[in-house]
């Protein structure tokens, strides 16, 4: 399975770069959001180590939904597994006690919006191909 992914990236690097860019941009956006909102994390007993950053919005949710949205557009047959994985990641943040439900909902919305804006921008970039002279 990993070999297939590597071969796909070697043949078409742009989709892999779009997925990575969407996840990175969404994570950066949520880092700014955490500084602006400064919401404390839940106080009940977490199942994992609690990050030292603020809670709102969830960076994990934003990154996973951004990646899933790009994957859904460029590889429609992978849409369902990508969004199921993103939803599982978002749910795990609440289940493990490190985020409030609204943190992950807003994070997911940020991720989807970021991916859609990035995809719209990518469509506007002219494609350059090799010409034989």
N, C-alpha and C. Protein backbone atom coordinates (compact mmCIF):
# COMPACT_ATOMS: atom_id res chain seq x y z
N UNK A 1 0.82 -1.19 0.00
CA UNK A 1 0.00 0.00 0.00
C UNK A 1 0.86 1.25 0.00
N UNK A 2 1.94 1.27 0.80
CA UNK A 2 2.82 2.42 0.83
C UNK A 2 3.49 2.61 -0.51
N UNK A 3 3.90 1.52 -1.15
CA UNK A 3 4.52 1.61 -2.47
C UNK A 3 3.60 2.27 -3.48
N UNK A 4 2.30 1.95 -3.41
CA UNK A 4 1.33 2.57 -4.31
C UNK A 4 1.28 4.08 -4.10
N UNK A 5 1.28 4.50 -2.84
CA UNK A 5 1.24 5.93 -2.51
C UNK A 5 2.47 6.65 -3.02
N UNK A 6 3.64 6.03 -2.87
CA UNK A 6 4.87 6.64 -3.35
C UNK A 6 4.85 6.75 -4.86
N UNK A 7 4.37 5.72 -5.54
CA UNK A 7 4.30 5.77 -7.01
C UNK A 7 3.34 6.86 -7.46
N UNK A 8 2.23 7.03 -6.77
CA UNK A 8 1.26 8.07 -7.12
C UNK A 8 1.88 9.45 -6.95
N UNK A 9 2.62 9.66 -5.87
CA UNK A 9 3.26 10.96 -5.63
C UNK A 9 4.32 11.23 -6.69
N UNK A 10 5.04 10.21 -7.10
CA UNK A 10 6.08 10.40 -8.12
C UNK A 10 5.47 10.76 -9.47
N UNK A 11 4.33 10.19 -9.80
CA UNK A 11 3.68 10.49 -11.07
C UNK A 11 2.95 11.82 -11.03
N UNK A 12 2.32 12.15 -9.91
CA UNK A 12 1.51 13.36 -9.79
C UNK A 12 1.81 14.04 -8.47
N UNK A 13 2.87 14.85 -8.41
CA UNK A 13 3.21 15.46 -7.13
C UNK A 13 2.23 16.54 -6.69
N UNK A 14 1.53 17.19 -7.60
CA UNK A 14 0.64 18.29 -7.23
C UNK A 14 -0.46 17.86 -6.25
N UNK A 15 -1.14 16.73 -6.45
CA UNK A 15 -2.16 16.35 -5.47
C UNK A 15 -1.60 16.15 -4.06
N UNK A 16 -0.45 15.52 -3.96
CA UNK A 16 0.15 15.31 -2.64
C UNK A 16 0.54 16.65 -2.01
N UNK A 17 1.02 17.56 -2.83
CA UNK A 17 1.38 18.89 -2.32
C UNK A 17 0.14 19.65 -1.87
N UNK A 18 -0.96 19.50 -2.59
CA UNK A 18 -2.21 20.16 -2.19
C UNK A 18 -2.72 19.63 -0.86
N UNK A 19 -2.66 18.34 -0.67
CA UNK A 19 -3.10 17.74 0.60
C UNK A 19 -2.23 18.27 1.74
N UNK A 20 -0.91 18.25 1.54
CA UNK A 20 0.00 18.73 2.58
C UNK A 20 -0.19 20.22 2.85
N UNK A 21 -0.35 21.00 1.79
CA UNK A 21 -0.54 22.45 1.96
C UNK A 21 -1.83 22.76 2.70
N UNK A 22 -2.90 22.06 2.35
CA UNK A 22 -4.18 22.30 3.02
C UNK A 22 -4.08 21.99 4.51
N UNK A 23 -3.47 20.86 4.85
CA UNK A 23 -3.33 20.48 6.26
C UNK A 23 -2.45 21.48 7.01
N UNK A 24 -1.36 21.90 6.39
CA UNK A 24 -0.45 22.85 7.04
C UNK A 24 -1.10 24.22 7.24
N UNK A 25 -1.77 24.72 6.21
CA UNK A 25 -2.42 26.02 6.31
C UNK A 25 -3.52 26.00 7.38
N UNK A 26 -4.32 24.93 7.39
CA UNK A 26 -5.38 24.80 8.39
C UNK A 26 -4.80 24.77 9.79
N UNK A 27 -3.68 24.07 9.96
CA UNK A 27 -3.05 24.01 11.28
C UNK A 27 -2.53 25.39 11.70
N UNK A 28 -1.96 26.13 10.76
CA UNK A 28 -1.49 27.49 11.08
C UNK A 28 -2.65 28.41 11.44
N UNK A 29 -3.75 28.26 10.71
CA UNK A 29 -4.93 29.09 11.02
C UNK A 29 -5.47 28.81 12.42
N UNK A 30 -5.48 27.54 12.80
CA UNK A 30 -5.99 27.23 14.13
C UNK A 30 -5.02 27.68 15.21
N UNK A 31 -3.73 27.72 14.91
CA UNK A 31 -2.76 28.24 15.88
C UNK A 31 -3.04 29.72 16.16
N UNK A 32 -3.36 30.47 15.11
CA UNK A 32 -3.72 31.87 15.29
C UNK A 32 -5.03 31.98 16.07
N UNK A 33 -5.99 31.14 15.73
CA UNK A 33 -7.28 31.13 16.43
C UNK A 33 -7.11 30.85 17.92
N UNK A 34 -6.21 29.93 18.26
CA UNK A 34 -5.98 29.62 19.68
C UNK A 34 -5.43 30.83 20.42
N UNK A 35 -4.58 31.62 19.75
CA UNK A 35 -4.04 32.82 20.38
C UNK A 35 -5.12 33.88 20.57
N UNK A 36 -6.02 33.98 19.60
CA UNK A 36 -7.07 35.00 19.67
C UNK A 36 -8.16 34.65 20.67
N UNK A 37 -8.55 33.39 20.74
CA UNK A 37 -9.67 32.98 21.61
C UNK A 37 -9.20 32.59 23.01
N UNK A 38 -8.07 31.93 23.12
CA UNK A 38 -7.49 31.53 24.41
C UNK A 38 -8.46 30.75 25.30
N UNK A 39 -9.14 29.80 24.75
CA UNK A 39 -10.09 28.97 25.50
C UNK A 39 -9.33 27.86 26.22
N UNK A 40 -9.67 27.64 27.48
CA UNK A 40 -9.01 26.58 28.24
C UNK A 40 -9.54 25.21 27.81
N UNK A 41 -8.73 24.23 28.03
CA UNK A 41 -9.11 22.86 27.68
C UNK A 41 -10.04 22.28 28.74
N UNK A 42 -10.72 21.17 28.42
CA UNK A 42 -11.62 20.55 29.40
C UNK A 42 -10.89 20.21 30.69
N UNK A 43 -11.62 20.19 31.79
CA UNK A 43 -11.04 19.91 33.10
C UNK A 43 -11.29 18.49 33.58
N UNK A 44 -12.01 17.69 32.80
CA UNK A 44 -12.21 16.31 33.24
C UNK A 44 -10.98 15.49 32.92
N UNK A 45 -10.93 14.27 33.36
CA UNK A 45 -9.73 13.43 33.31
C UNK A 45 -9.39 13.02 31.87
N UNK A 46 -8.33 13.62 31.30
CA UNK A 46 -7.96 13.26 29.93
C UNK A 46 -7.31 11.88 29.87
N UNK A 47 -7.49 11.22 28.74
CA UNK A 47 -6.91 9.89 28.53
C UNK A 47 -5.49 9.97 27.97
N UNK A 48 -5.09 11.15 27.48
CA UNK A 48 -3.76 11.35 26.92
C UNK A 48 -3.16 12.62 27.52
N UNK A 49 -1.91 12.87 27.23
CA UNK A 49 -1.27 14.09 27.73
C UNK A 49 -1.97 15.31 27.13
N UNK A 50 -2.28 16.27 27.97
CA UNK A 50 -2.98 17.47 27.52
C UNK A 50 -1.97 18.44 26.93
N UNK A 51 -2.20 18.87 25.69
CA UNK A 51 -1.30 19.86 25.09
C UNK A 51 -1.29 21.15 25.90
N UNK A 52 -0.21 21.89 25.82
CA UNK A 52 -0.10 23.12 26.60
C UNK A 52 -0.79 24.31 25.91
N UNK A 53 -1.13 24.15 24.64
CA UNK A 53 -1.78 25.24 23.92
C UNK A 53 -3.25 25.35 24.32
N UNK A 54 -3.89 26.40 23.85
CA UNK A 54 -5.31 26.57 24.13
C UNK A 54 -6.14 25.58 23.32
N UNK A 55 -7.42 25.55 23.59
CA UNK A 55 -8.30 24.52 23.05
C UNK A 55 -8.98 24.86 21.73
N UNK A 56 -9.34 26.11 21.54
CA UNK A 56 -10.23 26.47 20.42
C UNK A 56 -9.50 27.19 19.32
N UNK A 57 -9.63 26.75 18.09
CA UNK A 57 -10.25 25.53 17.55
C UNK A 57 -9.25 24.37 17.50
N UNK A 58 -9.73 23.20 17.21
CA UNK A 58 -8.89 22.01 17.18
C UNK A 58 -8.05 21.97 15.91
N UNK A 59 -6.74 21.96 16.09
CA UNK A 59 -5.83 21.86 14.95
C UNK A 59 -5.87 20.49 14.30
N UNK A 60 -6.01 19.43 15.11
CA UNK A 60 -6.10 18.08 14.55
C UNK A 60 -7.33 17.96 13.64
N UNK A 61 -8.45 18.49 14.10
CA UNK A 61 -9.67 18.42 13.31
C UNK A 61 -9.52 19.23 12.02
N UNK A 62 -8.96 20.42 12.13
CA UNK A 62 -8.80 21.28 10.95
C UNK A 62 -7.89 20.62 9.92
N UNK A 63 -6.76 20.11 10.35
CA UNK A 63 -5.81 19.49 9.43
C UNK A 63 -6.40 18.24 8.77
N UNK A 64 -7.06 17.41 9.58
CA UNK A 64 -7.59 16.17 9.01
C UNK A 64 -8.74 16.44 8.05
N UNK A 65 -9.61 17.40 8.36
CA UNK A 65 -10.70 17.71 7.45
C UNK A 65 -10.21 18.46 6.21
N UNK A 66 -9.16 19.25 6.34
CA UNK A 66 -8.58 19.91 5.17
C UNK A 66 -8.02 18.86 4.22
N UNK A 67 -7.25 17.93 4.75
CA UNK A 67 -6.69 16.86 3.93
C UNK A 67 -7.80 16.01 3.30
N UNK A 68 -8.81 15.66 4.08
CA UNK A 68 -9.91 14.84 3.57
C UNK A 68 -10.66 15.54 2.44
N UNK A 69 -10.84 16.84 2.57
CA UNK A 69 -11.56 17.59 1.53
C UNK A 69 -10.78 17.59 0.23
N UNK A 70 -9.48 17.82 0.31
CA UNK A 70 -8.66 17.80 -0.91
C UNK A 70 -8.67 16.40 -1.52
N UNK A 71 -8.52 15.38 -0.69
CA UNK A 71 -8.56 14.00 -1.19
C UNK A 71 -9.90 13.71 -1.84
N UNK A 72 -10.99 14.16 -1.24
CA UNK A 72 -12.33 13.91 -1.80
C UNK A 72 -12.48 14.53 -3.18
N UNK A 73 -11.85 15.66 -3.41
CA UNK A 73 -11.97 16.33 -4.71
C UNK A 73 -11.06 15.69 -5.75
N UNK A 74 -9.82 15.37 -5.38
CA UNK A 74 -8.89 14.85 -6.37
C UNK A 74 -8.98 13.33 -6.56
N UNK A 75 -9.55 12.63 -5.60
CA UNK A 75 -9.71 11.17 -5.70
C UNK A 75 -11.07 10.79 -5.12
N UNK A 76 -12.14 11.05 -5.86
CA UNK A 76 -13.50 10.84 -5.33
C UNK A 76 -13.76 9.45 -4.75
N UNK A 77 -13.10 8.44 -5.24
CA UNK A 77 -13.33 7.09 -4.69
C UNK A 77 -12.81 6.94 -3.28
N UNK A 78 -11.95 7.85 -2.85
CA UNK A 78 -11.41 7.82 -1.49
C UNK A 78 -12.15 8.77 -0.55
N UNK A 79 -13.21 9.40 -1.04
CA UNK A 79 -13.95 10.40 -0.27
C UNK A 79 -14.46 9.85 1.06
N UNK A 80 -15.15 8.74 1.02
CA UNK A 80 -15.73 8.20 2.26
C UNK A 80 -14.66 7.80 3.26
N UNK A 81 -13.64 7.02 2.86
CA UNK A 81 -12.62 6.68 3.86
C UNK A 81 -11.89 7.91 4.42
N UNK A 82 -11.65 8.90 3.57
CA UNK A 82 -10.94 10.11 4.03
C UNK A 82 -11.76 10.85 5.08
N UNK A 83 -13.06 11.02 4.83
CA UNK A 83 -13.90 11.73 5.80
C UNK A 83 -14.19 10.90 7.05
N UNK A 84 -14.25 9.59 6.91
CA UNK A 84 -14.43 8.73 8.09
C UNK A 84 -13.19 8.85 8.99
N UNK A 85 -12.01 8.83 8.39
CA UNK A 85 -10.79 8.99 9.17
C UNK A 85 -10.73 10.37 9.83
N UNK A 86 -11.07 11.41 9.09
CA UNK A 86 -11.07 12.77 9.65
C UNK A 86 -12.06 12.87 10.82
N UNK A 87 -13.23 12.29 10.66
CA UNK A 87 -14.23 12.32 11.74
C UNK A 87 -13.74 11.53 12.95
N UNK A 88 -13.06 10.42 12.72
CA UNK A 88 -12.53 9.62 13.84
C UNK A 88 -11.46 10.40 14.59
N UNK A 89 -10.62 11.12 13.86
CA UNK A 89 -9.59 11.95 14.50
C UNK A 89 -10.25 13.04 15.33
N UNK A 90 -11.25 13.71 14.76
CA UNK A 90 -11.95 14.77 15.48
C UNK A 90 -12.63 14.21 16.73
N UNK A 91 -13.32 13.10 16.59
CA UNK A 91 -14.00 12.47 17.73
C UNK A 91 -13.00 12.08 18.82
N UNK A 92 -11.84 11.59 18.40
CA UNK A 92 -10.84 11.15 19.38
C UNK A 92 -10.37 12.30 20.26
N UNK A 93 -10.38 13.52 19.74
CA UNK A 93 -9.93 14.68 20.53
C UNK A 93 -10.91 14.95 21.68
N UNK A 94 -12.19 14.76 21.42
CA UNK A 94 -13.19 14.94 22.48
C UNK A 94 -13.17 13.71 23.41
N UNK A 95 -13.15 12.53 22.83
CA UNK A 95 -13.16 11.29 23.60
C UNK A 95 -11.97 11.23 24.57
N UNK A 96 -10.80 11.68 24.11
CA UNK A 96 -9.61 11.64 24.95
C UNK A 96 -9.53 12.79 25.95
N UNK A 97 -10.50 13.69 25.90
CA UNK A 97 -10.59 14.74 26.91
C UNK A 97 -9.70 15.95 26.71
N UNK A 98 -9.27 16.20 25.48
CA UNK A 98 -8.39 17.35 25.26
C UNK A 98 -9.07 18.49 24.48
N UNK A 99 -10.31 18.28 24.05
CA UNK A 99 -11.07 19.32 23.35
C UNK A 99 -12.54 19.26 23.72
N UNK A 100 -13.19 20.40 23.62
CA UNK A 100 -14.65 20.49 23.73
C UNK A 100 -15.24 20.15 22.36
N UNK A 101 -16.48 19.67 22.30
CA UNK A 101 -17.10 19.36 21.00
C UNK A 101 -17.09 20.54 20.03
N UNK A 102 -17.33 21.75 20.52
CA UNK A 102 -17.32 22.90 19.60
C UNK A 102 -15.93 23.18 19.04
N UNK A 103 -14.89 22.81 19.77
CA UNK A 103 -13.53 22.97 19.26
C UNK A 103 -13.33 22.17 17.98
N UNK A 104 -13.80 20.92 18.01
CA UNK A 104 -13.60 20.07 16.85
C UNK A 104 -14.55 20.43 15.71
N UNK A 105 -15.75 20.87 16.04
CA UNK A 105 -16.68 21.29 14.98
C UNK A 105 -16.16 22.51 14.23
N UNK A 106 -15.68 23.49 14.96
CA UNK A 106 -15.12 24.67 14.31
C UNK A 106 -13.83 24.31 13.58
N UNK A 107 -13.02 23.46 14.18
CA UNK A 107 -11.80 23.01 13.51
C UNK A 107 -12.11 22.33 12.19
N UNK A 108 -13.12 21.47 12.17
CA UNK A 108 -13.52 20.80 10.93
C UNK A 108 -13.99 21.81 9.88
N UNK A 109 -14.76 22.79 10.31
CA UNK A 109 -15.24 23.82 9.37
C UNK A 109 -14.08 24.64 8.81
N UNK A 110 -13.12 24.97 9.67
CA UNK A 110 -11.94 25.71 9.21
C UNK A 110 -11.18 24.87 8.18
N UNK A 111 -11.03 23.59 8.45
CA UNK A 111 -10.32 22.70 7.53
C UNK A 111 -10.99 22.59 6.18
N UNK A 112 -12.29 22.40 6.17
CA UNK A 112 -13.03 22.28 4.90
C UNK A 112 -12.95 23.60 4.13
N UNK A 113 -13.17 24.72 4.81
CA UNK A 113 -13.12 26.02 4.13
C UNK A 113 -11.73 26.30 3.57
N UNK A 114 -10.71 25.98 4.34
CA UNK A 114 -9.33 26.19 3.87
C UNK A 114 -9.06 25.36 2.62
N UNK A 115 -9.45 24.10 2.65
CA UNK A 115 -9.22 23.22 1.49
C UNK A 115 -9.97 23.71 0.27
N UNK A 116 -11.21 24.13 0.44
CA UNK A 116 -11.99 24.61 -0.71
C UNK A 116 -11.38 25.88 -1.30
N UNK A 117 -10.91 26.78 -0.46
CA UNK A 117 -10.25 27.99 -0.95
C UNK A 117 -8.94 27.65 -1.66
N UNK A 118 -8.17 26.73 -1.10
CA UNK A 118 -6.92 26.33 -1.73
C UNK A 118 -7.17 25.65 -3.08
N UNK A 119 -8.18 24.80 -3.14
CA UNK A 119 -8.52 24.14 -4.41
C UNK A 119 -8.98 25.16 -5.45
N UNK A 120 -9.76 26.15 -5.03
CA UNK A 120 -10.20 27.19 -5.96
C UNK A 120 -9.00 27.98 -6.48
N UNK A 121 -8.06 28.28 -5.60
CA UNK A 121 -6.85 29.00 -6.02
C UNK A 121 -6.00 28.14 -6.96
N UNK A 122 -5.91 26.85 -6.68
CA UNK A 122 -5.12 25.96 -7.52
C UNK A 122 -5.71 25.84 -8.92
N UNK A 123 -7.02 25.90 -9.03
CA UNK A 123 -7.66 25.83 -10.36
C UNK A 123 -7.34 27.05 -11.21
N UNK A 124 -7.04 28.16 -10.56
CA UNK A 124 -6.76 29.41 -11.28
C UNK A 124 -5.33 29.48 -11.80
N UNK A 125 -4.46 28.63 -11.26
CA UNK A 125 -3.06 28.62 -11.69
C UNK A 125 -2.98 27.93 -13.04
N UNK A 126 -2.37 28.61 -14.04
CA UNK A 126 -2.28 27.98 -15.37
C UNK A 126 -1.37 26.75 -15.32
N UNK A 127 -1.78 25.74 -16.07
CA UNK A 127 -0.98 24.52 -16.14
C UNK A 127 0.02 24.66 -17.27
N UNK A 128 1.22 24.27 -16.95
CA UNK A 128 2.28 24.35 -17.95
C UNK A 128 2.71 22.94 -18.31
N UNK A 129 2.73 22.66 -19.57
CA UNK A 129 3.16 21.34 -20.03
C UNK A 129 4.38 21.47 -20.90
N UNK A 130 5.01 20.35 -21.14
CA UNK A 130 6.16 20.37 -22.01
C UNK A 130 5.72 20.36 -23.44
N UNK A 131 6.32 21.18 -24.23
CA UNK A 131 6.01 21.22 -25.67
C UNK A 131 7.19 20.68 -26.44
N UNK A 132 6.86 19.90 -27.41
CA UNK A 132 7.94 19.36 -28.27
C UNK A 132 8.10 20.32 -29.43
N UNK A 133 9.30 20.74 -29.65
CA UNK A 133 9.55 21.74 -30.68
C UNK A 133 10.06 21.15 -31.88
